Amino acid sequence: MSLTAHWFLPTYGDGRQLVGGGHGVGVGSAGGVRPASIGYLTQVARAAEQVGFEGALTPTGAWCEDAWLTTAMLVGETERLKFLVAFRPGFVSPTLAAQMAATYQRHSDGRLLLNVVTGGEPSEQRAYGDFLDKDARYRRSGEFLQVVRALWRGEKVDLEGEHIRVEGAHLDRLPDPVPPLYFGGSSPAALQVAAEHIDVYLTWGEPPAQVAEKVAAVRALAAKHGRTVRFGIRLHVITRDTSEQAWAHAESLLTAIDPATIEKVQAGLAQSESEGQRRMRALHGGSTASLEVSPNLWAGVGLVRGGAGTALVGSHSEVADRIAEYHALGIDEFVLSGHPHLEEAWWVGEGVLPILQRRGLWQPPGGTDLAPAPSRTVPFAAAQ
């Protein structure tokens, strides 16, 4: 099975240095930030579309623009790019969410993918009026998805659960196609929700051995429910024509960060109740001393950013090698990003994707030859 490549929309701002934010950290940057305007996000989306990415993930939280509204505006600015919209099931009713997804599919010609985010940090959840603890949020997610799935099958739903109650819920118009559900989480409660309800389980970019353990655990749990689950990974990328150029750029990103910023961000992340965040922090320990935690896997992003904190760093062929390694472990979908997201989309699209295509691991969406020729010069090279 060939792999699928997605990009990322920086709806909190972008820049030539690492841009912080996520999981209660707040938005910050080690350098200038490009505002997350529709104009700029359109440039990123069109670049991702042109080089052959299937879709683009849009985050959710108080630290970024609303994903539903932003991507709905971008549908008319793009032609085929799908939007992996992150949403939190505790903030809207399951019936409304199912209806919103169906409407999105009709008006976008089926370009919606849904990323279910059970919750951020407790302080952020409470700001939105959600006072459930972590395990209860996951149980609520399970009930929520039970209702949504049934509605999408055209069923009339009555449910009186622990957290969700609906009577006579139904949809007059069903989504076509039904949007696939993506989901991430490393705690036992999260893995159980994934096993029962999710199409694609996403992990942050941990070293291959740790990713293999997660894949095996979710696969075994899903089998107990008579289900199969696909797997994806969320990674940043720094790729250049040579390995030396890529690592030099990673080093320049690191040296531009004020040590006080790292200390402040890490202090905040240390309070996180997220198991995935704990695993990200364990890779670097808050130190800049040893950040290559696996061949070509750099943990520097996680020093100033919550959530996905690792990047594949290297030449185009080295990054392709690492993607192939994860693919061999069972990872079929790669959600990638880089700073700035506009320029890095071109580096990946013109440098890495053609190599994966020649190896028979990736094909442009729709089977058309969207990927630029490998010999084409990558734009923006002089600015790097």
Protein backbone atom coordinates (compact mmCIF):
# COMPACT_ATOMS: atom_id res chain seq x y z
CA MET A 1 0.00 0.00 0.00
CA SER A 2 1.43 3.39 -0.97
CA LEU A 3 1.70 6.06 1.70
CA THR A 4 -0.30 9.29 1.89
CA ALA A 5 1.36 12.66 2.53
CA HIS A 6 -0.42 15.57 4.18
CA TRP A 7 0.80 19.08 5.00
CA PHE A 8 -0.12 21.49 7.82
CA LEU A 9 -1.80 24.91 7.97
CA PRO A 10 -0.20 27.24 10.58
CA THR A 11 -3.38 28.96 11.74
CA TYR A 12 -1.49 30.50 14.67
CA GLY A 13 1.08 32.28 12.48
CA ASP A 14 4.25 31.31 10.68
CA GLY A 15 7.81 32.49 10.36
CA ARG A 16 11.40 31.71 9.47
CA GLN A 17 12.12 30.66 13.04
CA LEU A 18 10.32 28.13 15.22
CA VAL A 19 6.86 29.31 16.19
CA GLY A 20 5.68 28.11 19.58
CA GLY A 21 2.19 27.37 20.81
CA GLY A 22 -0.17 24.52 21.45
CA HIS A 23 -1.26 22.58 24.54
CA GLY A 24 -1.61 25.62 26.74
CA VAL A 25 1.83 27.02 25.92
CA GLY A 26 0.52 30.15 24.20
CA VAL A 27 1.75 31.61 20.94
CA GLY A 28 5.30 32.86 20.68
CA SER A 29 8.17 32.94 18.24
CA ALA A 30 11.93 33.11 18.20
CA GLY A 31 11.67 35.41 15.19
CA GLY A 32 9.20 37.35 13.06
CA VAL A 33 5.76 35.84 12.60
CA ARG A 34 3.64 35.88 9.45
CA PRO A 35 0.00 36.46 10.45
CA ALA A 36 -2.37 33.58 9.79
CA SER A 37 -4.41 35.53 7.26
CA ILE A 38 -6.59 33.85 4.67
CA GLY A 39 -4.24 35.27 2.05
CA TYR A 40 -1.17 33.63 3.54
CA LEU A 41 -2.92 30.35 4.40
CA THR A 42 -4.16 30.24 0.81
CA GLN A 43 -0.55 30.42 -0.38
CA VAL A 44 0.39 27.51 1.88
CA ALA A 45 -2.64 25.45 0.84
CA ARG A 46 -2.05 26.04 -2.85
CA ALA A 47 1.63 25.13 -2.54
CA ALA A 48 0.70 21.90 -0.74
CA GLU A 49 -1.87 21.13 -3.41
CA GLN A 50 0.50 21.85 -6.27
CA VAL A 51 3.31 19.58 -5.08
CA GLY A 52 1.01 16.63 -4.39
CA PHE A 53 -0.05 16.58 -0.75
CA GLU A 54 -3.39 14.86 -0.18
CA GLY A 55 -4.64 17.09 2.62
CA ALA A 56 -3.65 19.63 5.25
CA LEU A 57 -4.11 19.38 9.01
CA THR A 58 -5.55 22.42 10.78
CA PRO A 59 -5.13 22.53 14.59
CA THR A 60 -7.67 23.42 17.24
CA GLY A 61 -7.42 25.39 20.47
CA ALA A 62 -7.44 28.85 21.97
CA TRP A 63 -3.98 29.49 20.52
CA CYS A 64 -5.06 29.32 16.85
CA GLU A 65 -7.88 30.27 14.52
CA ASP A 66 -10.99 28.10 14.41
CA ALA A 67 -10.39 25.14 12.12
CA TRP A 68 -13.94 24.70 10.77
CA LEU A 69 -14.35 28.31 9.71
CA THR A 70 -10.83 28.77 8.38
CA THR A 71 -10.83 25.69 6.18
CA ALA A 72 -14.34 26.41 4.91
CA MET A 73 -12.97 29.71 3.61
CA LEU A 74 -10.03 27.92 1.99
CA VAL A 75 -12.16 25.37 0.12
CA GLY A 76 -13.00 27.96 -2.53
CA GLU A 77 -9.35 28.98 -2.85
CA THR A 78 -8.15 25.46 -3.69
CA GLU A 79 -9.19 22.75 -6.12
CA ARG A 80 -8.64 19.28 -4.68
CA LEU A 81 -6.75 19.62 -1.36
CA LYS A 82 -8.55 17.95 1.54
CA PHE A 83 -8.71 19.54 4.97
CA LEU A 84 -7.98 17.52 8.10
CA VAL A 85 -10.07 19.59 10.51
CA ALA A 86 -9.27 19.16 14.19
CA PHE A 87 -12.25 19.48 16.51
CA ARG A 88 -13.05 18.77 20.16
CA PRO A 89 -16.10 16.55 20.71
CA GLY A 90 -17.00 18.13 24.05
CA PHE A 91 -17.72 21.55 22.60
CA VAL A 92 -20.64 20.76 20.26
CA SER A 93 -23.39 18.16 20.29
CA PRO A 94 -22.72 14.98 18.27
CA THR A 95 -25.82 15.60 16.16
CA LEU A 96 -24.64 19.09 15.23
CA ALA A 97 -21.12 17.83 14.49
CA ALA A 98 -22.49 15.08 12.24
CA GLN A 99 -24.64 17.65 10.42
CA MET A 100 -21.72 20.09 10.05
CA ALA A 101 -19.58 17.35 8.54
CA ALA A 102 -22.33 16.37 6.10
CA THR A 103 -22.76 20.00 5.02
CA TYR A 104 -19.00 20.42 4.62
CA GLN A 105 -18.82 17.34 2.39
CA ARG A 106 -21.58 18.59 0.11
CA HIS A 107 -20.17 22.07 -0.31
CA SER A 108 -16.54 20.92 -0.67
CA ASP A 109 -17.16 17.91 -2.95
CA GLY A 110 -16.01 15.50 -0.26
CA ARG A 111 -12.80 17.20 0.89
CA LEU A 112 -13.27 16.86 4.67
CA LEU A 113 -11.18 14.69 6.97
CA LEU A 114 -11.83 14.90 10.73
CA ASN A 115 -9.22 14.85 13.49
CA VAL A 116 -10.87 14.14 16.86
CA VAL A 117 -9.07 15.94 19.70
CA THR A 118 -10.43 14.78 23.05
CA GLY A 119 -9.08 17.80 24.90
CA GLY A 120 -6.17 20.08 25.63
CA GLU A 121 -4.89 21.02 29.05
CA PRO A 122 -7.40 21.33 31.94
CA SER A 123 -7.06 25.12 32.17
CA GLU A 124 -7.90 25.53 28.48
CA GLN A 125 -10.78 23.06 28.69
CA ARG A 126 -12.25 24.94 31.66
CA ALA A 127 -12.01 28.20 29.71
CA TYR A 128 -14.37 26.62 27.19
CA GLY A 129 -16.69 25.44 29.97
CA ASP A 130 -15.49 21.83 30.08
CA PHE A 131 -14.72 20.61 33.61
CA LEU A 132 -14.41 16.86 33.04
CA ASP A 133 -11.20 15.10 34.00
CA LYS A 134 -9.02 13.40 31.41
CA ASP A 135 -10.45 9.87 31.58
CA ALA A 136 -14.02 11.21 31.58
CA ARG A 137 -13.25 13.24 28.45
CA TYR A 138 -12.17 10.07 26.67
CA ARG A 139 -15.33 8.25 27.76
CA ARG A 140 -17.36 11.18 26.45
CA SER A 141 -15.47 11.00 23.15
CA GLY A 142 -16.42 7.35 22.81
CA GLU A 143 -20.11 8.12 23.33
CA PHE A 144 -19.89 11.10 20.98
CA LEU A 145 -18.37 9.02 18.20
CA GLN A 146 -20.91 6.26 18.75
CA VAL A 147 -23.69 8.75 17.99
CA VAL A 148 -21.91 10.36 15.04
CA ARG A 149 -21.13 7.03 13.40
CA ALA A 150 -24.72 5.88 13.73
CA LEU A 151 -26.07 9.13 12.29
CA TRP A 152 -23.74 8.86 9.32
CA ARG A 153 -25.12 5.36 8.69
CA GLY A 154 -28.58 6.89 8.41
CA GLU A 155 -29.83 5.50 11.72
CA LYS A 156 -32.17 7.16 14.19
CA VAL A 157 -30.33 7.42 17.48
CA ASP A 158 -31.44 7.38 21.10
CA LEU A 159 -28.67 7.32 23.67
CA GLU A 160 -28.58 8.04 27.35
CA GLY A 161 -24.94 7.67 28.22
CA GLU A 162 -22.73 8.86 31.01
CA HIS A 163 -22.02 12.16 29.22
CA ILE A 164 -24.06 12.20 25.99
CA ARG A 165 -27.85 12.12 25.76
CA VAL A 166 -29.83 12.39 22.53
CA GLU A 167 -33.38 11.42 21.63
CA GLY A 168 -34.61 10.81 18.09
CA ALA A 169 -31.42 12.13 16.54
CA HIS A 170 -31.16 11.68 12.77
CA LEU A 171 -29.80 13.36 9.64
CA ASP A 172 -31.98 14.21 6.67
CA ARG A 173 -28.91 14.32 4.38
CA LEU A 174 -25.96 12.02 4.91
CA PRO A 175 -22.33 12.89 4.17
CA ASP A 176 -21.00 11.53 0.89
CA PRO A 177 -18.39 10.28 1.33
CA VAL A 178 -18.37 9.71 5.08
CA PRO A 179 -15.31 11.58 6.35
CA PRO A 180 -12.63 9.34 7.87
CA LEU A 181 -11.89 9.91 11.56
CA TYR A 182 -8.34 10.58 12.74
CA PHE A 183 -7.34 10.54 16.39
CA GLY A 184 -4.25 10.70 18.58
CA GLY A 185 -3.47 9.95 22.22
CA SER A 186 -0.99 7.81 24.14
CA SER A 187 -2.83 7.01 27.37
CA PRO A 188 -4.64 3.67 27.85
CA ALA A 189 -7.99 5.48 27.66
CA ALA A 190 -7.00 7.07 24.36
CA LEU A 191 -5.89 3.78 22.83
CA GLN A 192 -9.23 2.22 23.74
CA VAL A 193 -11.20 4.98 21.98
CA ALA A 194 -9.00 4.59 18.92
CA ALA A 195 -9.50 0.84 18.86
CA GLU A 196 -13.30 1.11 19.02
CA HIS A 197 -14.09 4.09 16.81
CA ILE A 198 -11.22 5.56 14.78
CA ASP A 199 -10.14 5.02 11.15
CA VAL A 200 -6.59 6.45 11.42
CA TYR A 201 -4.60 6.49 14.66
CA LEU A 202 -2.04 9.31 14.74
CA THR A 203 1.13 9.34 16.80
CA TRP A 204 3.61 12.14 17.27
CA GLY A 205 7.07 11.58 15.84
CA GLU A 206 8.71 9.27 18.34
CA PRO A 207 11.71 7.04 17.46
CA PRO A 208 10.78 4.03 15.32
CA ALA A 209 10.93 1.47 18.14
CA GLN A 210 8.43 3.46 20.23
CA VAL A 211 6.16 3.97 17.24
CA ALA A 212 6.22 0.23 16.54
CA GLU A 213 5.05 -0.44 20.11
CA LYS A 214 2.10 1.93 19.68
CA VAL A 215 1.12 0.41 16.35
CA ALA A 216 1.17 -3.08 17.86
CA ALA A 217 -0.86 -2.00 20.91
CA VAL A 218 -3.62 -0.23 18.94
CA ARG A 219 -3.75 -3.00 16.35
CA ALA A 220 -4.23 -5.63 19.06
CA LEU A 221 -6.95 -3.62 20.81
CA ALA A 222 -8.78 -2.99 17.55
CA ALA A 223 -8.68 -6.70 16.70
CA LYS A 224 -10.54 -7.45 19.93
CA HIS A 225 -13.37 -5.31 18.57
CA GLY A 226 -13.22 -6.94 15.15
CA ARG A 227 -11.79 -3.78 13.59
CA THR A 228 -8.69 -2.74 11.66
CA VAL A 229 -7.11 0.69 12.04
CA ARG A 230 -4.75 2.58 9.76
CA PHE A 231 -1.83 4.50 11.22
CA GLY A 232 -0.35 7.94 10.70
CA ILE A 233 2.45 10.04 12.15
CA ARG A 234 2.84 13.78 12.77
CA LEU A 235 6.33 15.14 12.01
CA HIS A 236 8.07 18.39 11.18
CA VAL A 237 10.62 18.32 8.36
CA ILE A 238 13.85 20.15 7.56
CA THR A 239 15.07 18.83 4.21
CA ARG A 240 17.69 20.28 1.87
CA ASP A 241 19.82 19.19 -1.08
CA THR A 242 22.54 18.01 1.32
CA SER A 243 22.53 16.73 4.87
CA GLU A 244 24.96 19.47 5.90
CA GLN A 245 22.58 22.18 4.68
CA ALA A 246 19.65 20.66 6.54
CA TRP A 247 21.49 20.33 9.85
CA ALA A 248 22.91 23.84 9.50
CA HIS A 249 19.36 25.14 9.17
CA ALA A 250 18.25 23.16 12.22
CA GLU A 251 21.13 24.65 14.18
CA SER A 252 20.21 28.16 13.03
CA LEU A 253 16.66 27.61 14.30
CA LEU A 254 18.02 26.50 17.66
CA THR A 255 20.50 29.33 18.13
CA ALA A 256 17.76 31.89 17.41
CA ILE A 257 15.81 30.80 20.49
CA ASP A 258 16.32 32.69 23.74
CA PRO A 259 17.21 30.15 26.49
CA ALA A 260 14.71 31.94 28.72
CA THR A 261 11.98 31.06 26.22
CA ILE A 262 12.94 27.38 26.37
CA GLU A 263 12.88 27.46 30.17
CA LYS A 264 9.48 29.12 30.26
CA VAL A 265 7.91 26.79 27.71
CA GLN A 266 9.31 23.67 29.34
CA ALA A 267 8.05 24.78 32.74
CA GLY A 268 4.58 25.03 31.27
CA LEU A 269 4.78 21.70 29.46
CA ALA A 270 5.99 19.98 32.63
CA GLN A 271 2.51 20.64 34.08
CA SER A 272 0.79 18.89 31.18
CA GLU A 273 -1.36 15.86 31.94
CA SER A 274 -0.88 14.55 28.40
CA GLU A 275 0.95 11.24 28.17
CA GLY A 276 1.96 12.08 24.60
CA GLN A 277 3.42 15.38 25.77
CA ARG A 278 5.34 13.61 28.53
CA ARG A 279 6.83 11.28 25.93
CA MET A 280 7.80 14.24 23.73
CA ARG A 281 9.53 16.00 26.65
CA ALA A 282 11.37 12.82 27.60
CA LEU A 283 13.11 12.84 24.23
CA HIS A 284 15.05 16.05 24.98
CA GLY A 285 14.61 16.55 28.73
CA GLY A 286 14.49 20.30 28.27
CA SER A 287 18.13 20.36 27.22
CA THR A 288 19.77 21.37 23.95
CA ALA A 289 22.70 19.01 24.55
CA SER A 290 21.56 15.95 22.58
CA LEU A 291 18.67 16.55 20.23
CA GLU A 292 19.17 13.88 17.55
CA VAL A 293 17.18 11.21 19.38
CA SER A 294 17.23 8.73 16.49
CA PRO A 295 18.94 8.89 13.09
CA ASN A 296 17.71 12.10 11.39
CA LEU A 297 15.07 12.62 14.12
CA TRP A 298 15.59 15.99 15.86
CA ALA A 299 13.76 16.93 19.06
CA GLY A 300 14.55 20.64 18.90
CA VAL A 301 11.05 21.72 17.87
CA GLY A 302 9.65 20.45 21.16
CA LEU A 303 11.79 22.89 23.13
CA VAL A 304 9.42 25.75 22.27
CA ARG A 305 6.28 24.01 20.98
CA GLY A 306 3.68 21.83 22.64
CA GLY A 307 2.38 18.83 20.76
CA ALA A 308 4.41 17.40 17.88
CA GLY A 309 8.00 18.23 18.81
CA THR A 310 10.28 16.31 16.46
CA ALA A 311 11.52 16.90 12.93
CA LEU A 312 13.08 14.73 10.27
CA VAL A 313 16.33 16.49 9.35
CA GLY A 314 18.58 15.58 6.45
CA SER A 315 19.03 15.44 2.73
CA HIS A 316 16.05 14.59 0.58
CA SER A 317 17.15 10.98 0.30
CA GLU A 318 17.77 10.70 4.06
CA VAL A 319 14.32 12.05 4.88
CA ALA A 320 12.84 9.66 2.31
CA ASP A 321 14.74 6.81 4.01
CA ARG A 322 13.24 7.68 7.39
CA ILE A 323 9.73 7.95 5.96
CA ALA A 324 10.22 4.55 4.34
CA GLU A 325 11.37 3.17 7.70
CA TYR A 326 8.21 4.36 9.43
CA HIS A 327 6.12 3.09 6.54
CA ALA A 328 7.62 -0.36 6.99
CA LEU A 329 6.40 -0.30 10.60
CA GLY A 330 2.81 0.19 9.41
CA ILE A 331 2.58 3.97 9.12
CA ASP A 332 0.58 4.84 6.00
CA GLU A 333 -0.22 8.53 6.51
CA PHE A 334 2.37 11.25 7.14
CA VAL A 335 1.24 14.65 8.41
CA LEU A 336 4.25 16.89 7.80
CA SER A 337 5.11 20.53 8.40
CA GLY A 338 8.10 22.91 8.48
CA HIS A 339 9.06 26.49 9.15
CA PRO A 340 8.14 28.46 7.17
CA HIS A 341 5.33 26.23 5.97
CA LEU A 342 5.17 27.84 2.53
CA GLU A 343 8.82 27.33 1.63
CA GLU A 344 9.20 23.97 3.34
CA ALA A 345 6.22 22.59 1.44
CA TRP A 346 8.23 23.16 -1.73
CA TRP A 347 11.39 21.61 -0.29
CA VAL A 348 9.48 18.44 0.65
CA GLY A 349 7.34 18.40 -2.48
CA GLU A 350 10.19 18.89 -4.91
CA GLY A 351 12.87 17.06 -2.95
CA VAL A 352 11.39 14.16 -0.98
CA LEU A 353 8.12 13.15 -2.66
CA PRO A 354 9.71 12.44 -6.07
CA ILE A 355 12.19 10.07 -4.38
CA LEU A 356 9.35 8.23 -2.66
CA GLN A 357 7.53 8.08 -5.99
CA ARG A 358 10.54 6.56 -7.75
CA ARG A 359 10.74 3.94 -5.00
CA GLY A 360 7.09 3.04 -5.54
CA LEU A 361 6.10 4.21 -2.04
CA TRP A 362 4.01 7.26 -3.00
CA GLN A 363 1.78 8.32 -5.85
CA PRO A 364 0.30 11.79 -6.43
CA PRO A 365 -3.39 12.05 -5.49
CA GLY A 366 -5.66 10.82 -8.25
CA GLY A 367 -2.80 9.10 -10.04
CA THR A 368 -1.84 12.26 -11.92
CA ASP A 369 1.72 13.45 -12.24
CA LEU A 370 1.48 16.35 -9.82
CA ALA A 371 4.94 15.97 -8.32
CA PRO A 372 7.54 18.34 -9.79
CA ALA A 373 10.46 16.88 -11.66
CA PRO A 374 13.32 15.87 -9.32
CA SER A 375 15.79 18.11 -11.17
CA ARG A 376 13.73 21.26 -10.76
CA THR A 377 15.35 23.92 -8.60
CA VAL A 378 13.63 24.40 -5.25
CA PRO A 379 12.23 27.94 -4.85
CA PHE A 380 13.41 30.25 -2.10
CA ALA A 381 16.84 28.59 -1.93
CA ALA A 382 18.66 31.89 -1.73
CA ALA A 383 16.55 32.98 1.22
CA GLN A 384 17.44 29.98 3.35
